């Protein structure tokens, strides 16, 4: 890539403390780009007089945006969540640049779903981790072992995972 822009392979390191700092910065930008894709999907959800239906649709939209972005940008997805621990910034939790934070977006959607009465007896306890794990796991599969699925098959898998997450949260 360095050659494509006419610089030496080590040029980027002049702007960062080292490889870990470079990876952490790229990861922040990648998470921001993912958040922007999720926000775009979220903005496409049509208003609904039924608060519960709207909350469910909005939660599914952010999950869909997450997976679709990962499939479209597998390299950035890998850096966004696969950077080595030493690449983490020392001054707090992973950040985002250029878009909303995917984790915060999930938290907001779960709060909306909870307020609409869409979470079951367990409420918010563990809902965030379960929902994140489901869409993240599907994204990893779709860019790895299931990369050969066609668009229709990917859509079936995504719809099924999102429906399963929704049903599980409602239980």
C-alpha atoms as a PDB file:
ATOM      1  CA  UNK A   1       0.000   0.000   0.000  1.00  0.00           C
ATOM      2  CA  UNK A   2       2.857   2.386   0.758  1.00  0.00           C
ATOM      3  CA  UNK A   3       4.083   2.119  -2.827  1.00  0.00           C
ATOM      4  CA  UNK A   4       0.600   2.991  -4.108  1.00  0.00           C
ATOM      5  CA  UNK A   5       0.826   6.385  -2.429  1.00  0.00           C
ATOM      6  CA  UNK A   6       4.503   6.874  -3.180  1.00  0.00           C
ATOM      7  CA  UNK A   7       6.040   6.552   0.276  1.00  0.00           C
ATOM      8  CA  UNK A   8       8.413   4.110   1.882  1.00  0.00           C
ATOM      9  CA  UNK A   9       6.960   1.163   3.824  1.00  0.00           C
ATOM     10  CA  UNK A  10       8.243   2.656   7.091  1.00  0.00           C
ATOM     11  CA  UNK A  11       6.895   6.180   6.476  1.00  0.00           C
ATOM     12  CA  UNK A  12       3.782   5.677   8.604  1.00  0.00           C
ATOM     13  CA  UNK A  13       5.866   4.829  11.643  1.00  0.00           C
ATOM     14  CA  UNK A  14       7.258   8.368  11.714  1.00  0.00           C
ATOM     15  CA  UNK A  15       3.799   9.484  12.867  1.00  0.00           C
ATOM     16  CA  UNK A  16       3.300   6.838  15.562  1.00  0.00           C
ATOM     17  CA  UNK A  17       5.220   5.657  18.603  1.00  0.00           C
ATOM     18  CA  UNK A  18       5.386   2.173  17.112  1.00  0.00           C
ATOM     19  CA  UNK A  19       3.416  -0.644  15.549  1.00  0.00           C
ATOM     20  CA  UNK A  20       1.044  -0.949  18.527  1.00  0.00           C
ATOM     21  CA  UNK A  21       0.173   2.757  18.360  1.00  0.00           C
ATOM     22  CA  UNK A  22      -0.419   2.516  14.601  1.00  0.00           C
ATOM     23  CA  UNK A  23      -2.706  -0.510  15.050  1.00  0.00           C
ATOM     24  CA  UNK A  24      -4.633   1.172  17.861  1.00  0.00           C
ATOM     25  CA  UNK A  25      -5.236   4.238  15.690  1.00  0.00           C
ATOM     26  CA  UNK A  26      -6.372   2.159  12.712  1.00  0.00           C
ATOM     27  CA  UNK A  27      -8.662   0.171  15.039  1.00  0.00           C
ATOM     28  CA  UNK A  28     -10.269   3.398  16.309  1.00  0.00           C
ATOM     29  CA  UNK A  29     -10.947   4.527  12.750  1.00  0.00           C
ATOM     30  CA  UNK A  30     -12.258   1.083  11.792  1.00  0.00           C
ATOM     31  CA  UNK A  31     -14.689   1.032  14.730  1.00  0.00           C
ATOM     32  CA  UNK A  32     -15.829   4.524  13.775  1.00  0.00           C
ATOM     33  CA  UNK A  33     -16.445   3.400  10.191  1.00  0.00           C
ATOM     34  CA  UNK A  34     -18.384   0.406  11.479  1.00  0.00           C
ATOM     35  CA  UNK A  35     -20.429   2.685  13.728  1.00  0.00           C
ATOM     36  CA  UNK A  36     -21.187   4.922  10.756  1.00  0.00           C
ATOM     37  CA  UNK A  37     -22.420   1.910   8.775  1.00  0.00           C
ATOM     38  CA  UNK A  38     -24.569   0.845  11.713  1.00  0.00           C
ATOM     39  CA  UNK A  39     -25.966   4.378  12.040  1.00  0.00           C
ATOM     40  CA  UNK A  40     -26.806   4.396   8.340  1.00  0.00           C
ATOM     41  CA  UNK A  41     -28.800   1.177   8.748  1.00  0.00           C
ATOM     42  CA  UNK A  42     -30.457   2.615  11.846  1.00  0.00           C
ATOM     43  CA  UNK A  43     -31.515   5.775  10.021  1.00  0.00           C
ATOM     44  CA  UNK A  44     -33.316   3.655   7.429  1.00  0.00           C
ATOM     45  CA  UNK A  45     -35.723   2.220  10.022  1.00  0.00           C
ATOM     46  CA  UNK A  46     -39.140   3.726   9.504  1.00  0.00           C
ATOM     47  CA  UNK A  47     -40.976   5.181  12.499  1.00  0.00           C
ATOM     48  CA  UNK A  48     -43.633   2.954  14.018  1.00  0.00           C
ATOM     49  CA  UNK A  49     -46.432   3.788  16.446  1.00  0.00           C
ATOM     50  CA  UNK A  50     -45.688   0.511  18.222  1.00  0.00           C
ATOM     51  CA  UNK A  51     -42.694   1.300  20.460  1.00  0.00           C
ATOM     52  CA  UNK A  52     -41.820  -2.370  20.902  1.00  0.00           C
ATOM     53  CA  UNK A  53     -41.824  -3.084  17.157  1.00  0.00           C
ATOM     54  CA  UNK A  54     -39.713   0.011  16.570  1.00  0.00           C
ATOM     55  CA  UNK A  55     -37.202  -0.940  19.278  1.00  0.00           C
ATOM     56  CA  UNK A  56     -36.881  -4.451  17.840  1.00  0.00           C
ATOM     57  CA  UNK A  57     -36.387  -3.102  14.309  1.00  0.00           C
ATOM     58  CA  UNK A  58     -33.776  -0.625  15.505  1.00  0.00           C
ATOM     59  CA  UNK A  59     -31.831  -3.321  17.393  1.00  0.00           C
ATOM     60  CA  UNK A  60     -31.904  -5.554  14.311  1.00  0.00           C
ATOM     61  CA  UNK A  61     -30.730  -2.640  12.151  1.00  0.00           C
ATOM     62  CA  UNK A  62     -27.580  -2.062  14.177  1.00  0.00           C
ATOM     63  CA  UNK A  63     -26.855  -5.802  14.148  1.00  0.00           C
ATOM     64  CA  UNK A  64     -27.363  -5.908  10.401  1.00  0.00           C
ATOM     65  CA  UNK A  65     -25.102  -2.884   9.904  1.00  0.00           C
ATOM     66  CA  UNK A  66     -22.404  -4.543  12.017  1.00  0.00           C
ATOM     67  CA  UNK A  67     -22.381  -7.781  10.016  1.00  0.00           C
ATOM     68  CA  UNK A  68     -22.725  -6.129   6.610  1.00  0.00           C
ATOM     69  CA  UNK A  69     -19.820  -3.793   7.341  1.00  0.00           C
ATOM     70  CA  UNK A  70     -17.642  -6.673   8.536  1.00  0.00           C
ATOM     71  CA  UNK A  71     -18.341  -8.641   5.346  1.00  0.00           C
ATOM     72  CA  UNK A  72     -17.647  -5.574   3.185  1.00  0.00           C
ATOM     73  CA  UNK A  73     -14.478  -4.609   5.103  1.00  0.00           C
ATOM     74  CA  UNK A  74     -12.922  -7.837   6.431  1.00  0.00           C
ATOM     75  CA  UNK A  75      -9.435  -6.367   6.791  1.00  0.00           C
ATOM     76  CA  UNK A  76     -10.607  -3.391   8.833  1.00  0.00           C
ATOM     77  CA  UNK A  77     -12.939  -5.636  10.830  1.00  0.00           C
ATOM     78  CA  UNK A  78      -9.977  -7.801  11.735  1.00  0.00           C
ATOM     79  CA  UNK A  79      -8.018  -4.791  12.955  1.00  0.00           C
ATOM     80  CA  UNK A  80     -11.015  -3.216  14.722  1.00  0.00           C
ATOM     81  CA  UNK A  81     -11.399  -6.138  17.091  1.00  0.00           C
ATOM     82  CA  UNK A  82      -8.335  -8.251  16.501  1.00  0.00           C
ATOM     83  CA  UNK A  83      -5.503  -5.903  17.355  1.00  0.00           C
ATOM     84  CA  UNK A  84      -3.136  -7.407  19.927  1.00  0.00           C
ATOM     85  CA  UNK A  85      -3.621  -6.299  23.558  1.00  0.00           C
ATOM     86  CA  UNK A  86      -0.454  -4.214  23.447  1.00  0.00           C
ATOM     87  CA  UNK A  87      -2.130  -2.097  20.750  1.00  0.00           C
ATOM     88  CA  UNK A  88      -4.786  -0.889  23.196  1.00  0.00           C
ATOM     89  CA  UNK A  89      -4.584   2.751  24.173  1.00  0.00           C
ATOM     90  CA  UNK A  90      -3.511   3.146  27.788  1.00  0.00           C
ATOM     91  CA  UNK A  91      -5.860   6.063  28.460  1.00  0.00           C
ATOM     92  CA  UNK A  92      -9.183   4.193  28.590  1.00  0.00           C
ATOM     93  CA  UNK A  93     -11.543   1.899  26.716  1.00  0.00           C
ATOM     94  CA  UNK A  94     -11.274   1.442  22.960  1.00  0.00           C
ATOM     95  CA  UNK A  95     -12.337   4.565  21.175  1.00  0.00           C
ATOM     96  CA  UNK A  96     -13.816   5.443  17.813  1.00  0.00           C
ATOM     97  CA  UNK A  97     -12.941   8.068  15.261  1.00  0.00           C
ATOM     98  CA  UNK A  98     -15.228   9.172  12.453  1.00  0.00           C
ATOM     99  CA  UNK A  99     -18.447   7.536  13.633  1.00  0.00           C
ATOM    100  CA  UNK A 100     -20.433   6.434  16.649  1.00  0.00           C
ATOM    101  CA  UNK A 101     -19.137   3.717  18.937  1.00  0.00           C
ATOM    102  CA  UNK A 102     -20.698   0.325  18.051  1.00  0.00           C
ATOM    103  CA  UNK A 103     -20.825  -0.767  21.713  1.00  0.00           C
ATOM    104  CA  UNK A 104     -22.617   2.433  22.737  1.00  0.00           C
ATOM    105  CA  UNK A 105     -25.068   2.001  19.874  1.00  0.00           C
ATOM    106  CA  UNK A 106     -25.898  -1.494  21.119  1.00  0.00           C
ATOM    107  CA  UNK A 107     -26.363  -0.182  24.663  1.00  0.00           C
ATOM    108  CA  UNK A 108     -28.735   2.523  23.416  1.00  0.00           C
ATOM    109  CA  UNK A 109     -30.795   0.034  21.425  1.00  0.00           C
ATOM    110  CA  UNK A 110     -31.040  -2.326  24.407  1.00  0.00           C
ATOM    111  CA  UNK A 111     -32.142   0.544  26.649  1.00  0.00           C
ATOM    112  CA  UNK A 112     -34.796   1.412  24.068  1.00  0.00           C
ATOM    113  CA  UNK A 113     -35.916  -2.215  23.880  1.00  0.00           C
ATOM    114  CA  UNK A 114     -36.034  -2.445  27.685  1.00  0.00           C
ATOM    115  CA  UNK A 115     -38.093   0.754  27.963  1.00  0.00           C
ATOM    116  CA  UNK A 116     -40.554  -0.681  25.420  1.00  0.00           C
ATOM    117  CA  UNK A 117     -40.944  -3.861  27.474  1.00  0.00           C
ATOM    118  CA  UNK A 118     -39.045  -6.026  25.003  1.00  0.00           C
ATOM    119  CA  UNK A 119     -36.583  -7.659  27.351  1.00  0.00           C
ATOM    120  CA  UNK A 120     -37.676 -10.775  29.178  1.00  0.00           C
ATOM    121  CA  UNK A 121     -37.349 -11.700  32.830  1.00  0.00           C
ATOM    122  CA  UNK A 122     -33.547 -11.472  32.739  1.00  0.00           C
ATOM    123  CA  UNK A 123     -33.738  -7.858  31.593  1.00  0.00           C
ATOM    124  CA  UNK A 124     -30.474  -6.205  30.597  1.00  0.00           C
ATOM    125  CA  UNK A 125     -28.327  -8.709  32.505  1.00  0.00           C
ATOM    126  CA  UNK A 126     -25.932 -10.082  29.900  1.00  0.00           C
ATOM    127  CA  UNK A 127     -28.097  -8.971  26.976  1.00  0.00           C
ATOM    128  CA  UNK A 128     -25.348  -6.793  25.548  1.00  0.00           C
ATOM    129  CA  UNK A 129     -22.729  -9.537  25.544  1.00  0.00           C
ATOM    130  CA  UNK A 130     -25.121 -12.123  24.114  1.00  0.00           C
ATOM    131  CA  UNK A 131     -26.293  -9.850  21.292  1.00  0.00           C
ATOM    132  CA  UNK A 132     -22.756  -8.718  20.465  1.00  0.00           C
ATOM    133  CA  UNK A 133     -21.418 -12.277  20.510  1.00  0.00           C
ATOM    134  CA  UNK A 134     -24.098 -13.459  18.095  1.00  0.00           C
ATOM    135  CA  UNK A 135     -23.526 -10.815  15.422  1.00  0.00           C
ATOM    136  CA  UNK A 136     -19.756 -10.785  15.896  1.00  0.00           C
ATOM    137  CA  UNK A 137     -19.623 -14.561  15.620  1.00  0.00           C
ATOM    138  CA  UNK A 138     -21.688 -14.529  12.444  1.00  0.00           C
ATOM    139  CA  UNK A 139     -19.452 -11.815  10.982  1.00  0.00           C
ATOM    140  CA  UNK A 140     -16.341 -13.894  11.727  1.00  0.00           C
ATOM    141  CA  UNK A 141     -17.926 -16.939  10.110  1.00  0.00           C
ATOM    142  CA  UNK A 142     -19.054 -15.024   7.027  1.00  0.00           C
ATOM    143  CA  UNK A 143     -15.563 -13.686   6.351  1.00  0.00           C
ATOM    144  CA  UNK A 144     -13.934 -16.987   7.271  1.00  0.00           C
ATOM    145  CA  UNK A 145     -15.352 -20.493   7.011  1.00  0.00           C
ATOM    146  CA  UNK A 146     -18.629 -19.352   5.428  1.00  0.00           C
ATOM    147  CA  UNK A 147     -17.091 -16.824   3.025  1.00  0.00           C
ATOM    148  CA  UNK A 148     -18.278 -18.899   0.083  1.00  0.00           C
ATOM    149  CA  UNK A 149     -21.963 -18.360   0.827  1.00  0.00           C
ATOM    150  CA  UNK A 150     -23.808 -16.405  -1.816  1.00  0.00           C
ATOM    151  CA  UNK A 151     -25.732 -13.207  -1.015  1.00  0.00           C
ATOM    152  CA  UNK A 152     -29.054 -15.027  -0.560  1.00  0.00           C
ATOM    153  CA  UNK A 153     -27.524 -17.569   1.807  1.00  0.00           C
ATOM    154  CA  UNK A 154     -25.776 -14.816   3.785  1.00  0.00           C
ATOM    155  CA  UNK A 155     -29.092 -12.983   4.081  1.00  0.00           C
ATOM    156  CA  UNK A 156     -30.834 -16.110   5.408  1.00  0.00           C
ATOM    157  CA  UNK A 157     -28.078 -16.614   7.976  1.00  0.00           C
ATOM    158  CA  UNK A 158     -28.154 -12.970   9.049  1.00  0.00           C
ATOM    159  CA  UNK A 159     -31.947 -12.852   9.309  1.00  0.00           C
ATOM    160  CA  UNK A 160     -31.940 -16.057  11.360  1.00  0.00           C
ATOM    161  CA  UNK A 161     -29.284 -14.818  13.774  1.00  0.00           C
ATOM    162  CA  UNK A 162     -31.050 -11.481  14.246  1.00  0.00           C
ATOM    163  CA  UNK A 163     -34.386 -13.250  14.848  1.00  0.00           C
ATOM    164  CA  UNK A 164     -32.735 -15.626  17.310  1.00  0.00           C
ATOM    165  CA  UNK A 165     -31.163 -12.734  19.215  1.00  0.00           C
ATOM    166  CA  UNK A 166     -34.508 -10.956  19.347  1.00  0.00           C
ATOM    167  CA  UNK A 167     -36.319 -14.063  20.556  1.00  0.00           C
ATOM    168  CA  UNK A 168     -33.636 -14.799  23.120  1.00  0.00           C
ATOM    169  CA  UNK A 169     -33.764 -11.297  24.550  1.00  0.00           C
ATOM    170  CA  UNK A 170     -37.548 -11.457  24.804  1.00  0.00           C
ATOM    171  CA  UNK A 171     -37.514 -14.788  26.674  1.00  0.00           C
END
